[in-house]
Amino acid sequence: MLCSDGILSLFCFIATGLISPLSELLFRLELDVYVVYFTNIWFLHTILYILINVLAYLAFRGFTYQVTVRALFLGYVLGIGILISITASPSWQIFGIYMIILASFHYSEFLTIAWTNPTVLSIDSFILNHSIAYGVAAGLSWIEFFVERHYFCSLKLPSPVSYFGLILCISGEILRKLAMCTAKHNFNHVVQSERSDNHQLVTHGVYSLCRHPSYVGWFYWSIGTQLVLQNPLCFCAYALMSWRFFHDRVQIEEITLLNFFGEDYVKYQEKVGTGLPFISGYKISL
């Protein structure tokens, strides 16, 4: 069952997703008061977003406030992404789709934990601050998109490549969330060093297809985002760096799982692969 912070975050996410197109609607109505005072729609978006956050600050405190502002932010990004993907020029539309994908991914991470394992719910469950490398990678992908759009605008027109990337992102997202829902309280964003009393080895559902479905989903979601943006340089960089990250992560996690479950995990390894290309995981012989 969804916890109270999860319910509040869902309300905020949906509300700002619906409110963010309001500025566009007001401009399209061409009301005199808005034409006089707001000649730039992005300035109006800024005012609206600040107002929403002021209301959140007045209404909430502590952890609830931190959850609220992040859900509001992601919902607003989602709404702006929808606007761009529908109303902007063709060379901007794929960036709008990318914004929808990014906002949905980060919010759904928090919501899924709030539903399946609320005892470990934290601000980090949004994984917005995953790592410095993650933030740098995202920033570089935006820079590549803007630079290439400026000099090679036709490269950023919607194409089968971007649509294939969208399918890859959706598929990866679904697989990851299925993994989280299947594992339930056994899933955690942080690799655990100590086994809790209720920690069980999950081998059914999507875990019968691959040992690390959440990583597989995230891996293909990651490279899919760069196909959506049609970023050739970042696509190669994301594929390489994501593979390296998950290679090391799987090694660390499987050492822990072998310590937790011993022979049961060894037998599981023999039957099911990691699901990640050219990554076999950490194995021992009994």
Protein backbone atom coordinates (compact mmCIF):
# COMPACT_ATOMS: atom_id res chain seq x y z
CA MET A 1 0.00 0.00 0.00
CA LEU A 2 1.23 3.48 -0.86
CA CYS A 3 2.50 5.39 2.18
CA SER A 4 1.40 8.95 3.01
CA ASP A 5 4.54 10.57 1.56
CA GLY A 6 4.03 8.56 -1.61
CA ILE A 7 0.43 9.74 -1.90
CA LEU A 8 1.46 13.38 -1.37
CA SER A 9 4.27 13.09 -3.92
CA LEU A 10 1.88 11.59 -6.47
CA PHE A 11 -0.56 14.46 -5.99
CA CYS A 12 2.23 17.04 -6.39
CA PHE A 13 3.70 15.30 -9.44
CA ILE A 14 0.36 15.09 -11.24
CA ALA A 15 -0.73 18.59 -10.17
CA THR A 16 2.35 20.37 -11.52
CA GLY A 17 2.26 18.21 -14.62
CA LEU A 18 -1.20 19.63 -15.28
CA ILE A 19 -0.44 23.18 -14.10
CA SER A 20 2.73 23.67 -16.17
CA PRO A 21 0.83 23.91 -19.51
CA LEU A 22 -1.21 26.78 -17.98
CA SER A 23 1.28 29.40 -19.16
CA GLU A 24 0.99 28.18 -22.74
CA LEU A 25 -2.80 28.24 -22.49
CA LEU A 26 -2.81 31.82 -21.18
CA PHE A 27 -0.63 32.96 -24.08
CA ARG A 28 -2.81 31.20 -26.62
CA LEU A 29 -5.90 32.92 -25.17
CA GLU A 30 -4.09 36.24 -25.73
CA LEU A 31 -5.58 37.85 -22.63
CA ASP A 32 -4.52 41.50 -22.43
CA VAL A 33 -3.26 41.30 -18.85
CA TYR A 34 -0.78 38.59 -19.78
CA VAL A 35 0.27 40.18 -23.07
CA VAL A 36 1.08 43.43 -21.23
CA TYR A 37 2.99 42.01 -18.27
CA PHE A 38 4.47 38.79 -19.67
CA THR A 39 6.04 39.01 -23.11
CA ASN A 40 8.12 35.86 -22.60
CA ILE A 41 6.43 32.56 -21.86
CA TRP A 42 9.51 31.19 -20.07
CA PHE A 43 9.43 34.16 -17.69
CA LEU A 44 5.82 33.28 -16.91
CA HIS A 45 6.85 29.66 -16.31
CA THR A 46 9.50 30.88 -13.86
CA ILE A 47 6.99 32.99 -11.93
CA LEU A 48 4.49 30.13 -11.80
CA TYR A 49 7.11 27.62 -10.64
CA ILE A 50 8.38 29.96 -7.91
CA LEU A 51 4.82 30.56 -6.71
CA ILE A 52 4.17 26.82 -6.47
CA ASN A 53 7.33 26.31 -4.43
CA VAL A 54 6.51 29.19 -2.08
CA LEU A 55 3.14 27.56 -1.37
CA ALA A 56 4.91 24.25 -0.71
CA TYR A 57 7.32 25.97 1.70
CA LEU A 58 4.43 27.51 3.61
CA ALA A 59 2.51 24.23 3.78
CA PHE A 60 5.18 21.64 4.63
CA ARG A 61 8.33 21.14 6.67
CA GLY A 62 11.10 18.58 7.08
CA PHE A 63 11.10 15.36 5.06
CA THR A 64 7.62 16.02 3.69
CA TYR A 65 8.75 19.36 2.28
CA GLN A 66 11.82 17.77 0.67
CA VAL A 67 9.61 15.15 -0.98
CA THR A 68 7.14 17.80 -2.11
CA VAL A 69 9.63 20.12 -3.83
CA ARG A 70 11.21 17.23 -5.74
CA ALA A 71 7.86 15.84 -6.86
CA LEU A 72 6.77 19.35 -7.90
CA PHE A 73 9.98 19.83 -9.87
CA LEU A 74 9.71 16.50 -11.69
CA GLY A 75 6.03 17.06 -12.43
CA TYR A 76 6.80 20.48 -13.88
CA VAL A 77 9.59 19.04 -16.03
CA LEU A 78 7.15 16.39 -17.26
CA GLY A 79 4.57 19.03 -18.19
CA ILE A 80 7.11 21.21 -19.99
CA GLY A 81 8.37 18.13 -21.82
CA ILE A 82 4.86 17.35 -23.02
CA LEU A 83 4.44 20.95 -24.22
CA ILE A 84 7.74 20.93 -26.11
CA SER A 85 7.08 17.54 -27.70
CA ILE A 86 3.69 18.76 -28.98
CA THR A 87 4.04 22.47 -29.73
CA ALA A 88 7.75 23.13 -30.40
CA SER A 89 9.50 23.01 -33.76
CA PRO A 90 10.41 19.49 -34.97
CA SER A 91 14.08 19.82 -34.01
CA TRP A 92 13.08 20.48 -30.38
CA GLN A 93 10.42 17.80 -30.08
CA ILE A 94 12.78 14.95 -29.28
CA PHE A 95 14.19 16.97 -26.37
CA GLY A 96 10.65 17.28 -25.04
CA ILE A 97 10.28 13.50 -25.25
CA TYR A 98 13.59 13.14 -23.43
CA MET A 99 12.33 15.43 -20.63
CA ILE A 100 9.24 13.24 -20.23
CA ILE A 101 11.40 10.11 -20.05
CA LEU A 102 13.81 11.62 -17.52
CA ALA A 103 11.14 13.06 -15.21
CA SER A 104 9.07 9.87 -15.32
CA PHE A 105 12.07 7.69 -14.50
CA HIS A 106 13.21 9.64 -11.46
CA TYR A 107 9.74 10.11 -10.04
CA SER A 108 8.73 6.48 -10.59
CA GLU A 109 11.84 5.37 -8.68
CA PHE A 110 10.56 7.18 -5.58
CA LEU A 111 6.95 6.10 -6.08
CA THR A 112 7.86 2.44 -6.51
CA ILE A 113 9.91 2.40 -3.30
CA ALA A 114 7.08 4.22 -1.52
CA TRP A 115 4.77 1.40 -2.65
CA THR A 116 6.96 -1.68 -2.23
CA ASN A 117 9.42 -0.84 0.55
CA PRO A 118 8.42 2.37 2.39
CA THR A 119 10.62 1.56 5.40
CA VAL A 120 13.72 2.54 3.39
CA LEU A 121 12.10 5.51 1.64
CA SER A 122 14.32 8.60 1.58
CA ILE A 123 15.07 11.68 -0.50
CA ASP A 124 17.73 9.60 -2.24
CA SER A 125 14.94 7.35 -3.56
CA PHE A 126 14.44 9.92 -6.33
CA ILE A 127 18.10 9.18 -7.28
CA LEU A 128 18.39 12.76 -8.51
CA ASN A 129 21.73 12.95 -6.70
CA HIS A 130 22.87 9.50 -7.81
CA SER A 131 26.50 10.55 -8.31
CA ILE A 132 28.66 13.34 -9.68
CA ALA A 133 29.42 11.21 -12.74
CA TYR A 134 25.69 10.74 -13.40
CA GLY A 135 25.10 14.50 -13.27
CA VAL A 136 28.09 15.25 -15.50
CA ALA A 137 26.94 12.65 -18.03
CA ALA A 138 23.47 14.20 -18.17
CA GLY A 139 24.93 17.68 -18.59
CA LEU A 140 27.22 16.57 -21.40
CA SER A 141 24.31 14.96 -23.24
CA TRP A 142 22.40 18.26 -23.09
CA ILE A 143 25.44 20.17 -24.37
CA GLU A 144 25.87 17.76 -27.27
CA PHE A 145 22.20 18.08 -28.17
CA PHE A 146 22.25 21.90 -28.12
CA VAL A 147 25.52 22.16 -30.06
CA GLU A 148 24.52 19.64 -32.71
CA ARG A 149 21.07 21.18 -33.05
CA HIS A 150 22.66 24.59 -33.62
CA TYR A 151 25.08 23.42 -36.30
CA PHE A 152 23.28 20.35 -37.70
CA CYS A 153 19.61 21.03 -37.08
CA SER A 154 18.45 18.25 -39.41
CA LEU A 155 20.24 15.72 -37.20
CA LYS A 156 17.71 16.41 -34.45
CA LEU A 157 14.54 15.87 -36.43
CA PRO A 158 12.40 12.94 -35.19
CA SER A 159 13.46 9.73 -36.92
CA PRO A 160 13.29 5.93 -36.53
CA VAL A 161 16.44 6.18 -34.37
CA SER A 162 14.74 8.40 -31.79
CA TYR A 163 11.59 6.25 -31.84
CA PHE A 164 13.67 3.11 -31.32
CA GLY A 165 15.36 4.86 -28.40
CA LEU A 166 11.94 5.66 -26.97
CA ILE A 167 10.94 1.99 -27.19
CA LEU A 168 14.22 1.04 -25.50
CA CYS A 169 13.58 3.53 -22.68
CA ILE A 170 10.01 2.35 -22.12
CA SER A 171 11.05 -1.31 -22.17
CA GLY A 172 13.94 -0.69 -19.79
CA GLU A 173 11.72 1.32 -17.46
CA ILE A 174 9.07 -1.40 -17.37
CA LEU A 175 11.65 -4.13 -16.71
CA ARG A 176 13.26 -2.16 -13.88
CA LYS A 177 9.95 -1.39 -12.18
CA LEU A 178 8.82 -5.01 -12.54
CA ALA A 179 12.06 -6.03 -10.83
CA MET A 180 11.47 -3.59 -7.97
CA CYS A 181 7.87 -4.70 -7.52
CA THR A 182 8.85 -8.38 -7.65
CA ALA A 183 11.65 -8.00 -5.11
CA LYS A 184 9.52 -5.74 -2.86
CA HIS A 185 11.24 -5.29 0.52
CA ASN A 186 14.30 -7.14 -0.81
CA PHE A 187 15.07 -4.25 -3.19
CA ASN A 188 17.19 -1.31 -2.10
CA HIS A 189 18.96 1.43 -4.04
CA VAL A 190 22.01 0.87 -1.84
CA VAL A 191 23.92 -2.42 -1.86
CA GLN A 192 23.47 -3.91 1.61
CA SER A 193 26.50 -5.09 3.59
CA GLU A 194 24.45 -6.91 6.24
CA ARG A 195 21.56 -9.29 5.72
CA SER A 196 18.32 -8.28 7.41
CA ASP A 197 16.05 -10.88 9.01
CA ASN A 198 13.45 -10.66 6.23
CA HIS A 199 15.92 -10.54 3.31
CA GLN A 200 15.13 -13.36 0.88
CA LEU A 201 16.66 -14.57 -2.37
CA VAL A 202 14.21 -13.69 -5.16
CA THR A 203 14.35 -16.02 -8.16
CA HIS A 204 10.81 -15.86 -9.56
CA GLY A 205 9.14 -13.47 -12.01
CA VAL A 206 11.58 -11.35 -14.00
CA TYR A 207 14.37 -12.70 -11.78
CA SER A 208 13.89 -16.07 -13.47
CA LEU A 209 14.91 -14.40 -16.75
CA CYS A 210 18.03 -12.62 -15.49
CA ARG A 211 19.76 -12.16 -12.14
CA HIS A 212 19.81 -8.36 -12.27
CA PRO A 213 16.68 -7.19 -14.14
CA SER A 214 16.73 -3.76 -12.47
CA TYR A 215 20.26 -3.16 -13.78
CA VAL A 216 19.38 -4.52 -17.21
CA GLY A 217 16.43 -2.15 -17.40
CA TRP A 218 18.50 0.82 -16.27
CA PHE A 219 21.32 -0.03 -18.70
CA TYR A 220 19.06 -0.07 -21.75
CA TRP A 221 17.08 2.94 -20.50
CA SER A 222 20.35 4.88 -20.22
CA ILE A 223 21.56 4.25 -23.75
CA GLY A 224 18.00 4.64 -25.03
CA THR A 225 17.93 8.26 -23.82
CA GLN A 226 20.85 9.07 -26.12
CA LEU A 227 19.14 7.42 -29.06
CA VAL A 228 16.08 9.57 -28.35
CA LEU A 229 18.29 12.68 -28.41
CA GLN A 230 20.20 11.28 -31.40
CA ASN A 231 23.50 12.05 -29.69
CA PRO A 232 26.11 9.86 -31.44
CA LEU A 233 28.99 10.85 -29.14
CA CYS A 234 27.09 10.43 -25.87
CA PHE A 235 25.50 7.22 -27.11
CA CYS A 236 28.95 5.63 -27.37
CA ALA A 237 30.08 7.19 -24.08
CA TYR A 238 26.91 6.15 -22.23
CA ALA A 239 27.15 2.58 -23.54
CA LEU A 240 30.77 2.28 -22.41
CA MET A 241 30.41 4.00 -19.03
CA SER A 242 27.10 2.31 -18.19
CA TRP A 243 28.60 -1.08 -19.00
CA ARG A 244 31.62 -0.35 -16.81
CA PHE A 245 29.43 0.90 -13.93
CA PHE A 246 27.17 -2.15 -13.95
CA HIS A 247 30.12 -4.52 -14.40
CA ASP A 248 31.65 -3.21 -11.17
CA ARG A 249 28.29 -2.94 -9.40
CA VAL A 250 27.34 -6.55 -10.21
CA GLN A 251 30.71 -7.77 -8.94
CA ILE A 252 30.24 -6.00 -5.60
CA GLU A 253 26.60 -7.03 -5.22
CA GLU A 254 27.18 -10.67 -6.06
CA ILE A 255 29.98 -10.97 -3.49
CA THR A 256 27.45 -9.74 -0.94
CA LEU A 257 24.71 -12.08 -2.19
CA LEU A 258 27.06 -15.05 -2.06
CA ASN A 259 27.84 -14.19 1.55
CA PHE A 260 24.13 -13.90 2.30
CA PHE A 261 22.79 -16.98 0.50
CA GLY A 262 25.82 -19.19 -0.16
CA GLU A 263 25.09 -22.34 -2.16
CA ASP A 264 21.55 -21.21 -3.01
CA TYR A 265 22.94 -18.23 -4.89
CA VAL A 266 25.59 -20.35 -6.61
CA LYS A 267 22.86 -22.64 -7.95
CA TYR A 268 20.89 -19.58 -9.06
CA GLN A 269 23.95 -18.28 -10.92
CA GLU A 270 24.30 -21.61 -12.73
CA LYS A 271 20.73 -21.43 -14.01
CA VAL A 272 20.28 -17.73 -14.78
CA GLY A 273 22.60 -15.17 -16.39
CA THR A 274 23.03 -11.54 -15.36
CA GLY A 275 21.13 -10.26 -18.40
CA LEU A 276 23.82 -7.65 -19.08
CA PRO A 277 25.97 -8.02 -22.22
CA PHE A 278 29.40 -9.57 -21.58
CA ILE A 279 28.96 -9.44 -17.79
CA SER A 280 29.01 -12.82 -16.07
CA GLY A 281 29.18 -11.58 -12.49
CA TYR A 282 31.26 -12.83 -9.58
CA LYS A 283 31.40 -16.60 -9.34
CA ILE A 284 33.02 -19.06 -6.97
CA SER A 285 33.36 -22.83 -7.04
CA LEU A 286 32.02 -24.81 -4.10
